[in-house]
Amino acid sequence: MFQLYAVVLCTVSDYPGIALAAGYSVSGEFGCFSCRDETCSERLKHGQKYCFMGARRFLPLDHEFRFDAKSFDASEEHREAPIGYAQIAVLDNIKSIKDFEKSKTWKCVSGLFSLPYGTPIYSGTI
């Protein structure tokens, strides 16, 4: 008999894995984990599925596709890319949610946030 201590250092997950590990909803109109509440989505008229627009935000500010309204959705893209998770406090964001039933993105407080050896902060973009 011995006491084992373990630490989750890193996870590599697909979108359903993010939903399980972080308690984040990756389906529906706010399904983009990188954009969070700033997700640009449209529901397709005949397919009844969501189409995620606004991916041109991640291109450099002077990229030609940002100004090509004709080839895309008849609009130019002038917004900057969303701030990555390494630059915001995820746990503070989750703690500010009063009612998870009304939350558009976060659906619960993941068990990973209650581990005694630290608070995970998601970094990078997906």
N, C-alpha and C. Protein backbone atom coordinates (compact mmCIF):
# COMPACT_ATOMS: atom_id res chain seq x y z
N MET A 1 0.83 -1.18 0.00
CA MET A 1 0.00 0.00 0.00
C MET A 1 0.88 1.25 0.00
N PHE A 2 0.55 2.16 -0.89
CA PHE A 2 1.25 3.44 -0.91
C PHE A 2 0.29 4.50 -1.43
N GLN A 3 0.63 5.75 -1.18
CA GLN A 3 -0.20 6.86 -1.64
C GLN A 3 0.41 7.43 -2.92
N LEU A 4 -0.36 7.44 -3.98
CA LEU A 4 0.13 7.90 -5.28
C LEU A 4 -0.33 9.33 -5.52
N TYR A 5 0.59 10.18 -5.96
CA TYR A 5 0.27 11.54 -6.34
C TYR A 5 0.47 11.67 -7.84
N ALA A 6 -0.48 12.27 -8.51
CA ALA A 6 -0.38 12.44 -9.96
C ALA A 6 -0.76 13.87 -10.33
N VAL A 7 -0.22 14.33 -11.43
CA VAL A 7 -0.49 15.68 -11.91
C VAL A 7 -0.86 15.61 -13.38
N VAL A 8 -1.91 16.33 -13.77
CA VAL A 8 -2.25 16.46 -15.18
C VAL A 8 -1.46 17.65 -15.72
N LEU A 9 -0.44 17.38 -16.50
CA LEU A 9 0.40 18.44 -17.04
C LEU A 9 -0.15 19.01 -18.34
N CYS A 10 -0.70 18.14 -19.15
CA CYS A 10 -1.14 18.57 -20.47
C CYS A 10 -2.17 17.58 -20.99
N THR A 11 -3.11 18.08 -21.76
CA THR A 11 -4.04 17.20 -22.45
C THR A 11 -4.06 17.58 -23.92
N VAL A 12 -4.18 16.60 -24.76
CA VAL A 12 -4.36 16.83 -26.19
C VAL A 12 -5.75 16.30 -26.50
N SER A 13 -6.64 17.20 -26.87
CA SER A 13 -8.04 16.81 -27.02
C SER A 13 -8.62 17.34 -28.32
N ASP A 14 -9.59 16.61 -28.83
CA ASP A 14 -10.38 17.13 -29.92
C ASP A 14 -11.52 17.92 -29.28
N TYR A 15 -12.43 18.45 -30.08
CA TYR A 15 -13.49 19.28 -29.53
C TYR A 15 -14.38 18.54 -28.53
N PRO A 16 -14.81 17.30 -28.79
CA PRO A 16 -15.58 16.62 -27.74
C PRO A 16 -14.77 16.39 -26.47
N GLY A 17 -13.47 16.21 -26.61
CA GLY A 17 -12.61 16.06 -25.44
C GLY A 17 -12.55 17.34 -24.62
N ILE A 18 -12.54 18.48 -25.28
CA ILE A 18 -12.57 19.76 -24.57
C ILE A 18 -13.86 19.88 -23.77
N ALA A 19 -14.95 19.47 -24.39
CA ALA A 19 -16.25 19.55 -23.71
C ALA A 19 -16.23 18.73 -22.42
N LEU A 20 -15.64 17.53 -22.47
CA LEU A 20 -15.59 16.68 -21.28
C LEU A 20 -14.60 17.20 -20.24
N ALA A 21 -13.42 17.60 -20.68
CA ALA A 21 -12.38 17.99 -19.74
C ALA A 21 -12.62 19.36 -19.12
N ALA A 22 -13.15 20.30 -19.88
CA ALA A 22 -13.25 21.66 -19.39
C ALA A 22 -14.66 22.09 -19.02
N GLY A 23 -15.66 21.32 -19.39
CA GLY A 23 -17.03 21.72 -19.11
C GLY A 23 -17.51 22.81 -20.04
N TYR A 24 -16.98 22.82 -21.25
CA TYR A 24 -17.29 23.85 -22.23
C TYR A 24 -18.17 23.26 -23.32
N SER A 25 -19.18 23.99 -23.74
CA SER A 25 -20.07 23.51 -24.78
C SER A 25 -19.45 23.77 -26.15
N VAL A 26 -19.21 22.73 -26.92
CA VAL A 26 -18.60 22.89 -28.24
C VAL A 26 -19.59 22.60 -29.35
N SER A 27 -20.86 22.62 -29.03
CA SER A 27 -21.88 22.44 -30.06
C SER A 27 -22.80 23.65 -30.05
N GLY A 28 -23.44 23.89 -31.17
CA GLY A 28 -24.35 25.02 -31.26
C GLY A 28 -23.67 26.28 -31.74
N GLU A 29 -24.30 27.40 -31.51
CA GLU A 29 -23.84 28.65 -32.10
C GLU A 29 -22.54 29.19 -31.50
N PHE A 30 -22.14 28.77 -30.30
CA PHE A 30 -20.90 29.23 -29.70
C PHE A 30 -19.89 28.10 -29.62
N GLY A 31 -19.80 27.30 -30.67
CA GLY A 31 -18.96 26.10 -30.66
C GLY A 31 -17.49 26.33 -30.85
N CYS A 32 -17.07 27.52 -31.22
CA CYS A 32 -15.64 27.77 -31.44
C CYS A 32 -14.97 28.06 -30.10
N PHE A 33 -14.09 27.16 -29.67
CA PHE A 33 -13.43 27.29 -28.38
C PHE A 33 -12.47 28.48 -28.36
N SER A 34 -11.87 28.80 -29.49
CA SER A 34 -10.92 29.91 -29.54
C SER A 34 -11.61 31.26 -29.47
N CYS A 35 -12.80 31.38 -30.07
CA CYS A 35 -13.51 32.66 -30.13
C CYS A 35 -14.43 32.90 -28.94
N ARG A 36 -14.81 31.85 -28.25
CA ARG A 36 -15.69 31.94 -27.07
C ARG A 36 -16.98 32.69 -27.40
N ASP A 37 -17.30 33.74 -26.63
CA ASP A 37 -18.54 34.48 -26.83
C ASP A 37 -18.53 35.33 -28.10
N GLU A 38 -17.38 35.50 -28.71
CA GLU A 38 -17.28 36.30 -29.93
C GLU A 38 -17.41 35.45 -31.19
N THR A 39 -17.92 34.25 -31.06
CA THR A 39 -18.06 33.34 -32.19
C THR A 39 -19.06 33.91 -33.19
N CYS A 40 -18.69 33.93 -34.46
CA CYS A 40 -19.58 34.37 -35.54
C CYS A 40 -20.16 33.11 -36.19
N SER A 41 -21.43 32.88 -35.97
CA SER A 41 -22.03 31.68 -36.53
C SER A 41 -23.36 32.02 -37.18
N GLU A 42 -23.69 31.25 -38.19
CA GLU A 42 -24.98 31.36 -38.87
C GLU A 42 -25.57 29.98 -38.99
N ARG A 43 -26.85 29.89 -38.79
CA ARG A 43 -27.53 28.60 -38.95
C ARG A 43 -27.91 28.47 -40.42
N LEU A 44 -27.51 27.37 -41.04
CA LEU A 44 -27.80 27.16 -42.44
C LEU A 44 -29.30 26.96 -42.65
N LYS A 45 -29.82 27.58 -43.68
CA LYS A 45 -31.26 27.59 -43.91
C LYS A 45 -31.83 26.20 -44.15
N HIS A 46 -31.20 25.42 -45.00
CA HIS A 46 -31.75 24.11 -45.35
C HIS A 46 -31.07 22.96 -44.61
N GLY A 47 -29.85 23.15 -44.15
CA GLY A 47 -29.14 22.08 -43.48
C GLY A 47 -29.37 22.04 -41.98
N GLN A 48 -29.88 23.15 -41.41
CA GLN A 48 -30.14 23.25 -39.97
C GLN A 48 -28.90 22.99 -39.13
N LYS A 49 -27.74 23.30 -39.67
CA LYS A 49 -26.49 23.18 -38.93
C LYS A 49 -25.85 24.55 -38.86
N TYR A 50 -24.89 24.69 -37.95
CA TYR A 50 -24.22 25.98 -37.80
C TYR A 50 -22.99 26.06 -38.69
N CYS A 51 -22.82 27.20 -39.30
CA CYS A 51 -21.66 27.51 -40.12
C CYS A 51 -20.90 28.60 -39.38
N PHE A 52 -19.62 28.40 -39.16
CA PHE A 52 -18.83 29.36 -38.41
C PHE A 52 -18.10 30.31 -39.34
N MET A 53 -18.47 31.55 -39.25
CA MET A 53 -17.89 32.59 -40.07
C MET A 53 -16.81 33.31 -39.26
N GLY A 54 -16.10 34.21 -39.87
CA GLY A 54 -15.15 35.03 -39.12
C GLY A 54 -13.78 34.42 -38.96
N ALA A 55 -13.46 33.37 -39.69
CA ALA A 55 -12.13 32.77 -39.56
C ALA A 55 -11.05 33.68 -40.13
N ARG A 56 -11.46 34.64 -40.96
CA ARG A 56 -10.47 35.58 -41.50
C ARG A 56 -9.88 36.48 -40.42
N ARG A 57 -10.48 36.50 -39.24
CA ARG A 57 -9.95 37.29 -38.12
C ARG A 57 -8.56 36.82 -37.71
N PHE A 58 -8.24 35.57 -37.97
CA PHE A 58 -6.96 35.00 -37.55
C PHE A 58 -5.84 35.27 -38.55
N LEU A 59 -6.18 35.84 -39.70
CA LEU A 59 -5.16 36.19 -40.70
C LEU A 59 -4.46 37.48 -40.29
N PRO A 60 -3.25 37.74 -40.82
CA PRO A 60 -2.59 39.01 -40.54
C PRO A 60 -3.47 40.19 -40.97
N LEU A 61 -3.34 41.31 -40.28
CA LEU A 61 -4.21 42.47 -40.53
C LEU A 61 -4.14 42.99 -41.95
N ASP A 62 -3.03 42.78 -42.64
CA ASP A 62 -2.90 43.29 -44.01
C ASP A 62 -3.10 42.21 -45.07
N HIS A 63 -3.64 41.06 -44.69
CA HIS A 63 -3.84 39.96 -45.64
C HIS A 63 -4.94 40.32 -46.64
N GLU A 64 -4.75 39.92 -47.89
CA GLU A 64 -5.68 40.28 -48.95
C GLU A 64 -7.08 39.68 -48.76
N PHE A 65 -7.18 38.51 -48.12
CA PHE A 65 -8.49 37.89 -47.91
C PHE A 65 -9.38 38.69 -46.96
N ARG A 66 -8.77 39.48 -46.06
CA ARG A 66 -9.56 40.29 -45.15
C ARG A 66 -10.39 41.34 -45.89
N PHE A 67 -9.94 41.76 -47.03
CA PHE A 67 -10.61 42.82 -47.79
C PHE A 67 -11.38 42.29 -48.99
N ASP A 68 -11.39 40.98 -49.17
CA ASP A 68 -12.06 40.35 -50.30
C ASP A 68 -13.51 39.99 -49.93
N ALA A 69 -14.39 40.96 -50.05
CA ALA A 69 -15.79 40.75 -49.68
C ALA A 69 -16.52 39.90 -50.71
N LYS A 70 -16.13 39.99 -51.96
CA LYS A 70 -16.83 39.28 -53.03
C LYS A 70 -16.70 37.76 -52.89
N SER A 71 -15.55 37.27 -52.52
CA SER A 71 -15.32 35.83 -52.43
C SER A 71 -15.86 35.21 -51.15
N PHE A 72 -16.23 36.04 -50.18
CA PHE A 72 -16.66 35.49 -48.89
C PHE A 72 -18.12 35.84 -48.63
N ASP A 73 -18.43 36.45 -47.53
CA ASP A 73 -19.83 36.71 -47.14
C ASP A 73 -20.25 38.16 -47.38
N ALA A 74 -19.73 38.78 -48.41
CA ALA A 74 -20.06 40.15 -48.81
C ALA A 74 -19.69 41.17 -47.74
N SER A 75 -18.69 40.86 -46.94
CA SER A 75 -18.22 41.83 -45.94
C SER A 75 -16.71 41.72 -45.81
N GLU A 76 -16.11 42.84 -45.44
CA GLU A 76 -14.69 42.85 -45.16
C GLU A 76 -14.50 42.55 -43.67
N GLU A 77 -13.35 42.00 -43.32
CA GLU A 77 -13.05 41.64 -41.94
C GLU A 77 -12.00 42.59 -41.38
N HIS A 78 -12.39 43.42 -40.41
CA HIS A 78 -11.47 44.39 -39.82
C HIS A 78 -11.19 44.12 -38.35
N ARG A 79 -11.83 43.10 -37.77
CA ARG A 79 -11.61 42.80 -36.36
C ARG A 79 -10.30 42.05 -36.16
N GLU A 80 -9.74 42.19 -34.98
CA GLU A 80 -8.54 41.44 -34.64
C GLU A 80 -8.92 40.06 -34.11
N ALA A 81 -7.96 39.17 -34.08
CA ALA A 81 -8.20 37.82 -33.55
C ALA A 81 -8.53 37.92 -32.07
N PRO A 82 -9.34 37.00 -31.56
CA PRO A 82 -9.65 37.03 -30.13
C PRO A 82 -8.41 36.76 -29.28
N ILE A 83 -8.46 37.22 -28.05
CA ILE A 83 -7.35 37.02 -27.13
C ILE A 83 -7.29 35.54 -26.77
N GLY A 84 -6.10 34.96 -26.82
CA GLY A 84 -5.93 33.55 -26.51
C GLY A 84 -6.11 33.26 -25.03
N TYR A 85 -6.34 32.00 -24.70
CA TYR A 85 -6.57 31.62 -23.31
C TYR A 85 -5.34 31.81 -22.44
N ALA A 86 -4.17 31.88 -23.01
CA ALA A 86 -2.98 32.10 -22.20
C ALA A 86 -2.97 33.52 -21.65
N GLN A 87 -3.77 34.41 -22.22
CA GLN A 87 -3.75 35.82 -21.82
C GLN A 87 -4.93 36.21 -20.94
N ILE A 88 -5.84 35.30 -20.65
CA ILE A 88 -6.97 35.62 -19.77
C ILE A 88 -7.05 34.58 -18.67
N ALA A 89 -7.66 34.96 -17.58
CA ALA A 89 -7.82 34.03 -16.46
C ALA A 89 -9.10 33.23 -16.65
N VAL A 90 -8.97 31.98 -17.03
CA VAL A 90 -10.12 31.13 -17.33
C VAL A 90 -10.94 30.88 -16.08
N LEU A 91 -10.28 30.59 -14.98
CA LEU A 91 -11.00 30.28 -13.75
C LEU A 91 -11.82 31.47 -13.27
N ASP A 92 -11.29 32.67 -13.38
CA ASP A 92 -12.06 33.87 -13.00
C ASP A 92 -13.29 34.02 -13.89
N ASN A 93 -13.13 33.71 -15.16
CA ASN A 93 -14.26 33.76 -16.09
C ASN A 93 -15.34 32.78 -15.69
N ILE A 94 -14.95 31.58 -15.32
CA ILE A 94 -15.91 30.56 -14.92
C ILE A 94 -16.58 30.92 -13.59
N LYS A 95 -15.80 31.43 -12.65
CA LYS A 95 -16.36 31.78 -11.34
C LYS A 95 -17.35 32.94 -11.44
N SER A 96 -17.24 33.77 -12.46
CA SER A 96 -18.16 34.89 -12.61
C SER A 96 -19.53 34.47 -13.10
N ILE A 97 -19.67 33.22 -13.56
CA ILE A 97 -20.96 32.73 -14.04
C ILE A 97 -21.83 32.37 -12.85
N LYS A 98 -22.98 33.00 -12.78
CA LYS A 98 -23.89 32.76 -11.66
C LYS A 98 -24.78 31.53 -11.90
N ASP A 99 -25.22 31.34 -13.13
CA ASP A 99 -26.15 30.25 -13.43
C ASP A 99 -25.67 29.55 -14.70
N PHE A 100 -25.19 28.32 -14.56
CA PHE A 100 -24.67 27.59 -15.72
C PHE A 100 -25.78 27.22 -16.70
N GLU A 101 -27.01 27.18 -16.25
CA GLU A 101 -28.13 26.88 -17.16
C GLU A 101 -28.29 27.97 -18.20
N LYS A 102 -27.97 29.21 -17.85
CA LYS A 102 -28.12 30.34 -18.76
C LYS A 102 -26.84 30.66 -19.53
N SER A 103 -25.74 30.04 -19.16
CA SER A 103 -24.45 30.28 -19.83
C SER A 103 -24.48 29.73 -21.24
N LYS A 104 -23.94 30.49 -22.18
CA LYS A 104 -23.91 30.06 -23.57
C LYS A 104 -22.75 29.13 -23.87
N THR A 105 -21.69 29.22 -23.09
CA THR A 105 -20.50 28.45 -23.41
C THR A 105 -20.11 27.46 -22.30
N TRP A 106 -19.87 27.93 -21.10
CA TRP A 106 -19.44 27.06 -20.00
C TRP A 106 -20.64 26.38 -19.40
N LYS A 107 -20.58 25.07 -19.23
CA LYS A 107 -21.72 24.29 -18.74
C LYS A 107 -21.54 23.76 -17.32
N CYS A 108 -20.32 23.80 -16.80
CA CYS A 108 -20.07 23.36 -15.44
C CYS A 108 -18.66 23.77 -15.05
N VAL A 109 -18.34 23.60 -13.78
CA VAL A 109 -16.96 23.78 -13.33
C VAL A 109 -16.31 22.41 -13.38
N SER A 110 -15.33 22.27 -14.21
CA SER A 110 -14.67 20.99 -14.39
C SER A 110 -13.96 20.56 -13.11
N GLY A 111 -13.87 19.27 -12.90
CA GLY A 111 -13.13 18.74 -11.77
C GLY A 111 -11.66 19.08 -11.82
N LEU A 112 -11.14 19.37 -13.00
CA LEU A 112 -9.73 19.76 -13.13
C LEU A 112 -9.43 21.06 -12.39
N PHE A 113 -10.44 21.91 -12.25
CA PHE A 113 -10.22 23.19 -11.58
C PHE A 113 -10.21 23.06 -10.06
N SER A 114 -10.60 21.93 -9.54
CA SER A 114 -10.63 21.75 -8.10
C SER A 114 -9.51 20.86 -7.58
N LEU A 115 -8.58 20.50 -8.45
CA LEU A 115 -7.46 19.66 -8.01
C LEU A 115 -6.56 20.44 -7.06
N PRO A 116 -6.00 19.79 -6.04
CA PRO A 116 -5.25 20.50 -5.01
C PRO A 116 -3.87 21.02 -5.45
N TYR A 117 -3.38 20.59 -6.59
CA TYR A 117 -2.02 20.98 -6.97
C TYR A 117 -1.97 22.13 -7.94
N GLY A 118 -3.02 22.85 -8.14
CA GLY A 118 -2.93 24.03 -8.99
C GLY A 118 -4.16 24.23 -9.85
N THR A 119 -4.15 25.31 -10.56
CA THR A 119 -5.25 25.66 -11.42
C THR A 119 -4.79 25.59 -12.87
N PRO A 120 -5.40 24.77 -13.68
CA PRO A 120 -4.98 24.70 -15.07
C PRO A 120 -5.43 25.95 -15.83
N ILE A 121 -4.59 26.45 -16.66
CA ILE A 121 -4.92 27.56 -17.55
C ILE A 121 -4.68 27.06 -18.96
N TYR A 122 -5.68 27.16 -19.80
CA TYR A 122 -5.55 26.71 -21.16
C TYR A 122 -4.72 27.72 -21.93
N SER A 123 -3.78 27.23 -22.70
CA SER A 123 -2.93 28.14 -23.46
C SER A 123 -2.98 27.78 -24.93
N GLY A 124 -2.69 28.77 -25.73
CA GLY A 124 -2.66 28.55 -27.16
C GLY A 124 -4.05 28.55 -27.78
N THR A 125 -4.06 28.32 -29.05
CA THR A 125 -5.33 28.26 -29.76
C THR A 125 -5.50 26.86 -30.31
N ILE A 126 -6.70 26.55 -30.62
CA ILE A 126 -7.01 25.20 -31.10
C ILE A 126 -7.32 25.23 -32.56
